[in-house]
Amino acid sequence: MLIGIDARMTPDLIYCLAAMGHGDEIAVVDANFPAHSTAAHTAFGETIQLAGLSAAEAVSLISGLMPLDAFVDHCAVRMEVDGKADEMNEVHKDVFTVLEAAKPAEAGLGSIERQDFYSRANRCFAIVQTGERRAYGCFILRKGVVF
């Protein structure tokens, strides 16, 4: 047990967030995402499980310890709904509400096409799989700088 750290935070996630450097990205994905096969391509090498949390809860947990990048157009992106790039479903709205409160004022939130998301997730530092069951509940967060 640690003082001041949410009890839902796992040792692997704490280590991962501490090991990440400025500009590294972490994918927070839903229960249907191919997390294990994707994680094999990442620096961390294995899936970090937060099976009991929704996407919004996991992003809140992560963004409470990890600063988001202020030096890029989009400090976080969501997976777009197929054929409906501008559609924001409920899970997108829930997570973006959390991110709006956590992100630097000068950074935006974006979206990327589903297949592009899979490719980008392969280049992430780590994959965090949540228990999120709502479709397209996948996000990539970019680590910022601690001043």
N, C-alpha and C. Protein backbone atom coordinates (compact mmCIF):
# COMPACT_ATOMS: atom_id res chain seq x y z
N MET A 1 0.84 -1.19 0.00
CA MET A 1 0.00 0.00 0.00
C MET A 1 0.88 1.25 0.00
N LEU A 2 0.41 2.26 -0.71
CA LEU A 2 1.12 3.54 -0.77
C LEU A 2 0.18 4.65 -0.36
N ILE A 3 0.70 5.64 0.28
CA ILE A 3 -0.09 6.80 0.68
C ILE A 3 -0.21 7.72 -0.53
N GLY A 4 -1.42 8.20 -0.78
CA GLY A 4 -1.64 9.17 -1.85
C GLY A 4 -1.79 8.57 -3.23
N ILE A 5 -1.72 7.26 -3.37
CA ILE A 5 -1.89 6.60 -4.66
C ILE A 5 -3.21 5.84 -4.61
N ASP A 6 -4.05 6.06 -5.60
CA ASP A 6 -5.34 5.37 -5.70
C ASP A 6 -5.12 3.86 -5.62
N ALA A 7 -5.89 3.18 -4.80
CA ALA A 7 -5.74 1.73 -4.60
C ALA A 7 -6.00 0.93 -5.88
N ARG A 8 -6.67 1.52 -6.87
CA ARG A 8 -6.91 0.82 -8.14
C ARG A 8 -5.68 0.83 -9.05
N MET A 9 -4.70 1.65 -8.72
CA MET A 9 -3.47 1.73 -9.49
C MET A 9 -2.66 0.46 -9.26
N THR A 10 -2.22 -0.19 -10.32
CA THR A 10 -1.45 -1.42 -10.18
C THR A 10 0.05 -1.12 -10.16
N PRO A 11 0.85 -2.01 -9.57
CA PRO A 11 2.30 -1.81 -9.59
C PRO A 11 2.86 -1.68 -11.02
N ASP A 12 2.36 -2.50 -11.94
CA ASP A 12 2.84 -2.41 -13.33
C ASP A 12 2.53 -1.05 -13.95
N LEU A 13 1.33 -0.53 -13.66
CA LEU A 13 0.97 0.77 -14.24
C LEU A 13 1.81 1.89 -13.64
N ILE A 14 2.06 1.84 -12.35
CA ILE A 14 2.92 2.86 -11.72
C ILE A 14 4.31 2.82 -12.35
N TYR A 15 4.88 1.63 -12.48
CA TYR A 15 6.20 1.49 -13.09
C TYR A 15 6.19 2.01 -14.53
N CYS A 16 5.18 1.63 -15.29
CA CYS A 16 5.07 2.05 -16.69
C CYS A 16 5.03 3.57 -16.80
N LEU A 17 4.18 4.22 -16.04
CA LEU A 17 4.06 5.68 -16.12
C LEU A 17 5.35 6.37 -15.72
N ALA A 18 6.05 5.81 -14.73
CA ALA A 18 7.33 6.38 -14.30
C ALA A 18 8.41 6.18 -15.35
N ALA A 19 8.37 5.06 -16.05
CA ALA A 19 9.39 4.74 -17.05
C ALA A 19 9.20 5.50 -18.36
N MET A 20 7.99 5.91 -18.64
CA MET A 20 7.71 6.65 -19.88
C MET A 20 8.42 7.99 -19.87
N GLY A 21 8.88 8.42 -21.04
CA GLY A 21 9.48 9.73 -21.18
C GLY A 21 8.57 10.68 -21.95
N HIS A 22 8.97 11.94 -22.03
CA HIS A 22 8.20 12.93 -22.75
C HIS A 22 8.00 12.49 -24.19
N GLY A 23 6.75 12.50 -24.63
CA GLY A 23 6.42 12.12 -25.99
C GLY A 23 6.03 10.66 -26.15
N ASP A 24 6.31 9.82 -25.16
CA ASP A 24 5.85 8.44 -25.21
C ASP A 24 4.33 8.41 -25.11
N GLU A 25 3.74 7.40 -25.71
CA GLU A 25 2.29 7.29 -25.71
C GLU A 25 1.85 6.00 -25.05
N ILE A 26 0.67 6.06 -24.43
CA ILE A 26 0.06 4.90 -23.79
C ILE A 26 -1.36 4.75 -24.34
N ALA A 27 -1.70 3.54 -24.77
CA ALA A 27 -3.03 3.27 -25.30
C ALA A 27 -3.90 2.72 -24.17
N VAL A 28 -5.07 3.30 -24.01
CA VAL A 28 -6.07 2.82 -23.06
C VAL A 28 -7.20 2.26 -23.91
N VAL A 29 -7.38 0.94 -23.85
CA VAL A 29 -8.25 0.28 -24.82
C VAL A 29 -9.39 -0.47 -24.13
N ASP A 30 -10.41 -0.76 -24.92
CA ASP A 30 -11.58 -1.44 -24.39
C ASP A 30 -11.37 -2.96 -24.32
N ALA A 31 -12.37 -3.65 -23.79
CA ALA A 31 -12.28 -5.09 -23.56
C ALA A 31 -12.19 -5.90 -24.85
N ASN A 32 -12.61 -5.35 -25.97
CA ASN A 32 -12.59 -6.07 -27.24
C ASN A 32 -11.31 -5.85 -28.06
N PHE A 33 -10.49 -4.93 -27.65
CA PHE A 33 -9.26 -4.61 -28.39
C PHE A 33 -8.27 -5.78 -28.31
N PRO A 34 -7.53 -6.04 -29.39
CA PRO A 34 -6.52 -7.12 -29.35
C PRO A 34 -5.29 -6.70 -28.56
N ALA A 35 -5.48 -6.55 -27.26
CA ALA A 35 -4.46 -5.95 -26.39
C ALA A 35 -3.19 -6.79 -26.30
N HIS A 36 -3.32 -8.09 -26.14
CA HIS A 36 -2.13 -8.91 -25.93
C HIS A 36 -1.24 -8.98 -27.15
N SER A 37 -1.84 -9.14 -28.32
CA SER A 37 -1.02 -9.20 -29.54
C SER A 37 -0.42 -7.84 -29.85
N THR A 38 -1.13 -6.77 -29.54
CA THR A 38 -0.59 -5.42 -29.77
C THR A 38 0.51 -5.10 -28.76
N ALA A 39 0.30 -5.46 -27.51
CA ALA A 39 1.28 -5.16 -26.46
C ALA A 39 2.63 -5.81 -26.73
N ALA A 40 2.63 -6.91 -27.45
CA ALA A 40 3.89 -7.59 -27.77
C ALA A 40 4.82 -6.70 -28.59
N HIS A 41 4.26 -5.69 -29.27
CA HIS A 41 5.06 -4.78 -30.10
C HIS A 41 5.54 -3.55 -29.33
N THR A 42 5.08 -3.38 -28.11
CA THR A 42 5.37 -2.15 -27.35
C THR A 42 6.66 -2.28 -26.53
N ALA A 43 7.16 -1.15 -26.05
CA ALA A 43 8.34 -1.15 -25.18
C ALA A 43 8.08 -1.91 -23.89
N PHE A 44 6.85 -1.79 -23.35
CA PHE A 44 6.53 -2.47 -22.09
C PHE A 44 6.43 -3.98 -22.30
N GLY A 45 5.90 -4.38 -23.45
CA GLY A 45 5.91 -5.79 -23.85
C GLY A 45 4.77 -6.66 -23.40
N GLU A 46 3.96 -6.20 -22.47
CA GLU A 46 2.81 -6.99 -22.04
C GLU A 46 1.66 -6.07 -21.68
N THR A 47 0.47 -6.62 -21.69
CA THR A 47 -0.73 -5.84 -21.40
C THR A 47 -0.82 -5.52 -19.90
N ILE A 48 -1.18 -4.29 -19.60
CA ILE A 48 -1.50 -3.89 -18.23
C ILE A 48 -3.01 -3.96 -18.12
N GLN A 49 -3.50 -4.77 -17.20
CA GLN A 49 -4.94 -4.99 -17.07
C GLN A 49 -5.55 -4.09 -16.00
N LEU A 50 -6.63 -3.42 -16.38
CA LEU A 50 -7.49 -2.68 -15.45
C LEU A 50 -8.92 -3.12 -15.73
N ALA A 51 -9.14 -4.42 -15.65
CA ALA A 51 -10.40 -5.04 -16.08
C ALA A 51 -11.62 -4.53 -15.34
N GLY A 52 -11.45 -4.05 -14.12
CA GLY A 52 -12.59 -3.59 -13.34
C GLY A 52 -12.96 -2.14 -13.57
N LEU A 53 -12.24 -1.46 -14.47
CA LEU A 53 -12.48 -0.02 -14.68
C LEU A 53 -13.04 0.26 -16.06
N SER A 54 -13.83 1.32 -16.15
CA SER A 54 -14.28 1.83 -17.44
C SER A 54 -13.13 2.60 -18.08
N ALA A 55 -13.28 2.95 -19.33
CA ALA A 55 -12.25 3.75 -20.00
C ALA A 55 -12.07 5.09 -19.30
N ALA A 56 -13.16 5.74 -18.92
CA ALA A 56 -13.07 7.04 -18.25
C ALA A 56 -12.37 6.92 -16.90
N GLU A 57 -12.67 5.87 -16.15
CA GLU A 57 -12.01 5.67 -14.85
C GLU A 57 -10.51 5.44 -15.03
N ALA A 58 -10.14 4.64 -16.04
CA ALA A 58 -8.72 4.37 -16.28
C ALA A 58 -7.98 5.63 -16.72
N VAL A 59 -8.60 6.41 -17.60
CA VAL A 59 -7.96 7.66 -18.06
C VAL A 59 -7.83 8.64 -16.90
N SER A 60 -8.81 8.69 -16.04
CA SER A 60 -8.73 9.56 -14.87
C SER A 60 -7.58 9.13 -13.96
N LEU A 61 -7.44 7.84 -13.74
CA LEU A 61 -6.37 7.30 -12.92
C LEU A 61 -5.00 7.66 -13.50
N ILE A 62 -4.85 7.44 -14.81
CA ILE A 62 -3.57 7.71 -15.49
C ILE A 62 -3.27 9.21 -15.52
N SER A 63 -4.24 10.00 -15.91
CA SER A 63 -3.99 11.45 -16.04
C SER A 63 -3.82 12.13 -14.68
N GLY A 64 -4.16 11.44 -13.60
CA GLY A 64 -3.90 11.97 -12.26
C GLY A 64 -2.43 11.89 -11.88
N LEU A 65 -1.67 11.03 -12.56
CA LEU A 65 -0.23 10.88 -12.28
C LEU A 65 0.65 11.32 -13.44
N MET A 66 0.14 11.25 -14.65
CA MET A 66 0.94 11.53 -15.85
C MET A 66 0.49 12.82 -16.52
N PRO A 67 1.39 13.78 -16.68
CA PRO A 67 1.00 15.01 -17.39
C PRO A 67 0.79 14.71 -18.88
N LEU A 68 -0.15 15.41 -19.47
CA LEU A 68 -0.39 15.28 -20.91
C LEU A 68 0.44 16.32 -21.65
N ASP A 69 0.81 16.00 -22.87
CA ASP A 69 1.76 16.81 -23.64
C ASP A 69 1.15 18.13 -24.10
N ALA A 70 1.83 19.22 -23.79
CA ALA A 70 1.39 20.55 -24.20
C ALA A 70 2.04 21.00 -25.50
N PHE A 71 2.99 20.22 -26.04
CA PHE A 71 3.77 20.65 -27.18
C PHE A 71 3.33 20.02 -28.50
N VAL A 72 2.13 19.45 -28.53
CA VAL A 72 1.58 18.85 -29.76
C VAL A 72 0.16 19.35 -29.95
N ASP A 73 -0.35 19.19 -31.17
CA ASP A 73 -1.73 19.61 -31.44
C ASP A 73 -2.74 18.83 -30.61
N HIS A 74 -2.51 17.50 -30.49
CA HIS A 74 -3.45 16.63 -29.78
C HIS A 74 -2.69 15.81 -28.73
N CYS A 75 -2.98 16.07 -27.47
CA CYS A 75 -2.33 15.30 -26.39
C CYS A 75 -3.00 13.95 -26.19
N ALA A 76 -4.17 13.77 -26.79
CA ALA A 76 -4.88 12.51 -26.72
C ALA A 76 -5.76 12.39 -27.96
N VAL A 77 -5.95 11.14 -28.39
CA VAL A 77 -6.84 10.87 -29.52
C VAL A 77 -7.76 9.71 -29.18
N ARG A 78 -8.90 9.69 -29.82
CA ARG A 78 -9.86 8.60 -29.68
C ARG A 78 -9.91 7.80 -30.97
N MET A 79 -10.36 6.56 -30.88
CA MET A 79 -10.62 5.76 -32.07
C MET A 79 -11.95 6.20 -32.67
N GLU A 80 -11.93 6.54 -33.97
CA GLU A 80 -13.15 6.98 -34.64
C GLU A 80 -14.11 5.82 -34.88
N VAL A 81 -15.39 6.14 -34.89
CA VAL A 81 -16.42 5.19 -35.28
C VAL A 81 -16.28 4.95 -36.78
N ASP A 82 -16.29 3.70 -37.21
CA ASP A 82 -16.12 3.39 -38.64
C ASP A 82 -17.14 4.13 -39.50
N GLY A 83 -16.64 4.86 -40.48
CA GLY A 83 -17.49 5.57 -41.42
C GLY A 83 -18.15 6.82 -40.87
N LYS A 84 -17.86 7.17 -39.62
CA LYS A 84 -18.49 8.32 -38.97
C LYS A 84 -17.44 9.06 -38.14
N ALA A 85 -16.45 9.62 -38.81
CA ALA A 85 -15.30 10.22 -38.14
C ALA A 85 -15.67 11.30 -37.12
N ASP A 86 -16.74 12.02 -37.38
CA ASP A 86 -17.11 13.13 -36.50
C ASP A 86 -18.05 12.72 -35.37
N GLU A 87 -18.50 11.46 -35.38
CA GLU A 87 -19.44 11.02 -34.36
C GLU A 87 -18.72 10.76 -33.03
N MET A 88 -19.23 11.38 -31.99
CA MET A 88 -18.72 11.16 -30.62
C MET A 88 -19.76 10.31 -29.89
N ASN A 89 -19.43 9.04 -29.62
CA ASN A 89 -20.37 8.22 -28.88
C ASN A 89 -20.22 8.48 -27.37
N GLU A 90 -20.98 7.78 -26.55
CA GLU A 90 -21.00 8.07 -25.11
C GLU A 90 -19.65 7.85 -24.44
N VAL A 91 -18.93 6.79 -24.81
CA VAL A 91 -17.63 6.54 -24.19
C VAL A 91 -16.65 7.64 -24.56
N HIS A 92 -16.71 8.13 -25.79
CA HIS A 92 -15.84 9.25 -26.20
C HIS A 92 -16.15 10.49 -25.36
N LYS A 93 -17.41 10.79 -25.19
CA LYS A 93 -17.81 11.96 -24.41
C LYS A 93 -17.35 11.83 -22.96
N ASP A 94 -17.53 10.64 -22.38
CA ASP A 94 -17.12 10.42 -20.98
C ASP A 94 -15.62 10.63 -20.80
N VAL A 95 -14.83 10.04 -21.69
CA VAL A 95 -13.38 10.15 -21.56
C VAL A 95 -12.91 11.57 -21.87
N PHE A 96 -13.48 12.19 -22.90
CA PHE A 96 -13.06 13.56 -23.23
C PHE A 96 -13.41 14.54 -22.12
N THR A 97 -14.47 14.28 -21.37
CA THR A 97 -14.79 15.12 -20.21
C THR A 97 -13.67 15.03 -19.18
N VAL A 98 -13.16 13.83 -18.93
CA VAL A 98 -12.04 13.64 -18.01
C VAL A 98 -10.80 14.34 -18.56
N LEU A 99 -10.53 14.16 -19.85
CA LEU A 99 -9.33 14.74 -20.45
C LEU A 99 -9.37 16.26 -20.51
N GLU A 100 -10.52 16.84 -20.72
CA GLU A 100 -10.64 18.30 -20.76
C GLU A 100 -10.16 18.91 -19.44
N ALA A 101 -10.44 18.22 -18.34
CA ALA A 101 -10.03 18.72 -17.03
C ALA A 101 -8.53 18.48 -16.78
N ALA A 102 -7.95 17.50 -17.44
CA ALA A 102 -6.56 17.11 -17.17
C ALA A 102 -5.55 17.69 -18.15
N LYS A 103 -5.99 18.05 -19.33
CA LYS A 103 -5.04 18.44 -20.39
C LYS A 103 -4.57 19.89 -20.21
N PRO A 104 -3.38 20.17 -20.77
CA PRO A 104 -2.94 21.56 -20.80
C PRO A 104 -3.89 22.40 -21.66
N ALA A 105 -4.06 23.65 -21.31
CA ALA A 105 -5.00 24.52 -22.03
C ALA A 105 -4.69 24.62 -23.51
N GLU A 106 -3.41 24.60 -23.87
CA GLU A 106 -3.01 24.79 -25.27
C GLU A 106 -3.08 23.51 -26.11
N ALA A 107 -3.32 22.37 -25.50
CA ALA A 107 -3.38 21.09 -26.23
C ALA A 107 -4.81 20.73 -26.56
N GLY A 108 -4.99 20.09 -27.70
CA GLY A 108 -6.31 19.66 -28.12
C GLY A 108 -6.49 18.16 -27.98
N LEU A 109 -7.70 17.72 -28.28
CA LEU A 109 -8.05 16.31 -28.29
C LEU A 109 -8.47 15.97 -29.71
N GLY A 110 -8.03 14.83 -30.22
CA GLY A 110 -8.30 14.49 -31.61
C GLY A 110 -8.89 13.11 -31.78
N SER A 111 -8.91 12.67 -33.03
CA SER A 111 -9.42 11.34 -33.36
C SER A 111 -8.63 10.78 -34.54
N ILE A 112 -8.57 9.46 -34.61
CA ILE A 112 -7.94 8.80 -35.75
C ILE A 112 -8.77 7.60 -36.18
N GLU A 113 -8.69 7.29 -37.44
CA GLU A 113 -9.42 6.16 -38.03
C GLU A 113 -9.01 4.86 -37.35
N ARG A 114 -9.93 3.91 -37.27
CA ARG A 114 -9.73 2.68 -36.50
C ARG A 114 -8.47 1.92 -36.91
N GLN A 115 -8.25 1.71 -38.19
CA GLN A 115 -7.05 0.96 -38.62
C GLN A 115 -5.77 1.74 -38.31
N ASP A 116 -5.82 3.05 -38.44
CA ASP A 116 -4.67 3.88 -38.07
C ASP A 116 -4.41 3.80 -36.56
N PHE A 117 -5.50 3.69 -35.79
CA PHE A 117 -5.35 3.54 -34.34
C PHE A 117 -4.58 2.27 -34.03
N TYR A 118 -4.94 1.16 -34.67
CA TYR A 118 -4.24 -0.11 -34.43
C TYR A 118 -2.75 0.03 -34.74
N SER A 119 -2.42 0.67 -35.85
CA SER A 119 -1.01 0.86 -36.22
C SER A 119 -0.28 1.72 -35.19
N ARG A 120 -0.93 2.78 -34.76
CA ARG A 120 -0.29 3.67 -33.78
C ARG A 120 -0.14 2.99 -32.43
N ALA A 121 -1.12 2.17 -32.05
CA ALA A 121 -1.04 1.44 -30.78
C ALA A 121 0.17 0.52 -30.75
N ASN A 122 0.54 -0.04 -31.89
CA ASN A 122 1.73 -0.90 -31.97
C ASN A 122 3.00 -0.15 -31.62
N ARG A 123 2.98 1.18 -31.78
CA ARG A 123 4.16 2.01 -31.50
C ARG A 123 4.09 2.67 -30.11
N CYS A 124 3.03 2.39 -29.36
CA CYS A 124 2.90 2.98 -28.03
C CYS A 124 3.90 2.35 -27.07
N PHE A 125 4.16 3.03 -25.98
CA PHE A 125 5.03 2.50 -24.93
C PHE A 125 4.36 1.31 -24.25
N ALA A 126 3.03 1.40 -24.06
CA ALA A 126 2.30 0.33 -23.38
C ALA A 126 0.83 0.34 -23.76
N ILE A 127 0.19 -0.79 -23.48
CA ILE A 127 -1.25 -0.97 -23.71
C ILE A 127 -1.90 -1.25 -22.35
N VAL A 128 -2.92 -0.45 -22.01
CA VAL A 128 -3.71 -0.67 -20.81
C VAL A 128 -5.09 -1.11 -21.25
N GLN A 129 -5.48 -2.33 -20.90
CA GLN A 129 -6.80 -2.82 -21.28
C GLN A 129 -7.75 -2.67 -20.11
N THR A 130 -8.86 -2.01 -20.36
CA THR A 130 -9.89 -1.77 -19.35
C THR A 130 -11.01 -2.79 -19.50
N GLY A 131 -11.99 -2.69 -18.64
CA GLY A 131 -13.18 -3.52 -18.75
C GLY A 131 -14.27 -2.86 -19.58
N GLU A 132 -13.92 -1.77 -20.27
CA GLU A 132 -14.88 -1.00 -21.06
C GLU A 132 -15.51 -1.88 -22.14
N ARG A 133 -16.85 -1.94 -22.17
CA ARG A 133 -17.54 -2.77 -23.16
C ARG A 133 -18.21 -1.95 -24.26
N ARG A 134 -18.24 -0.65 -24.11
CA ARG A 134 -18.85 0.18 -25.15
C ARG A 134 -17.91 0.25 -26.36
N ALA A 135 -18.51 0.18 -27.53
CA ALA A 135 -17.73 0.13 -28.78
C ALA A 135 -16.88 1.39 -28.95
N TYR A 136 -15.70 1.20 -29.54
CA TYR A 136 -14.76 2.27 -29.86
C TYR A 136 -14.22 2.98 -28.61
N GLY A 137 -14.18 2.28 -27.49
CA GLY A 137 -13.70 2.85 -26.24
C GLY A 137 -12.19 2.78 -26.11
N CYS A 138 -11.50 3.29 -27.13
CA CYS A 138 -10.04 3.20 -27.19
C CYS A 138 -9.43 4.59 -27.39
N PHE A 139 -8.35 4.86 -26.65
CA PHE A 139 -7.74 6.18 -26.62
C PHE A 139 -6.22 6.05 -26.53
N ILE A 140 -5.52 7.04 -27.04
CA ILE A 140 -4.07 7.11 -26.89
C ILE A 140 -3.74 8.45 -26.24
N LEU A 141 -2.95 8.38 -25.16
CA LEU A 141 -2.53 9.57 -24.43
C LEU A 141 -1.03 9.76 -24.61
N ARG A 142 -0.61 11.00 -24.81
CA ARG A 142 0.81 11.32 -25.01
C ARG A 142 1.35 12.00 -23.76
N LYS A 143 2.44 11.47 -23.24
CA LYS A 143 3.02 11.99 -21.99
C LYS A 143 3.70 13.33 -22.23
N GLY A 144 3.45 14.23 -21.30
CA GLY A 144 4.05 15.55 -21.34
C GLY A 144 5.26 15.65 -20.43
N VAL A 145 5.56 16.87 -20.03
CA VAL A 145 6.73 17.18 -19.23
C VAL A 145 6.29 17.58 -17.82
N VAL A 146 7.03 17.11 -16.83
CA VAL A 146 6.81 17.55 -15.46
C VAL A 146 7.75 18.72 -15.22
N PHE A 147 7.19 19.89 -14.94
CA PHE A 147 8.02 21.08 -14.69
C PHE A 147 8.21 21.28 -13.21
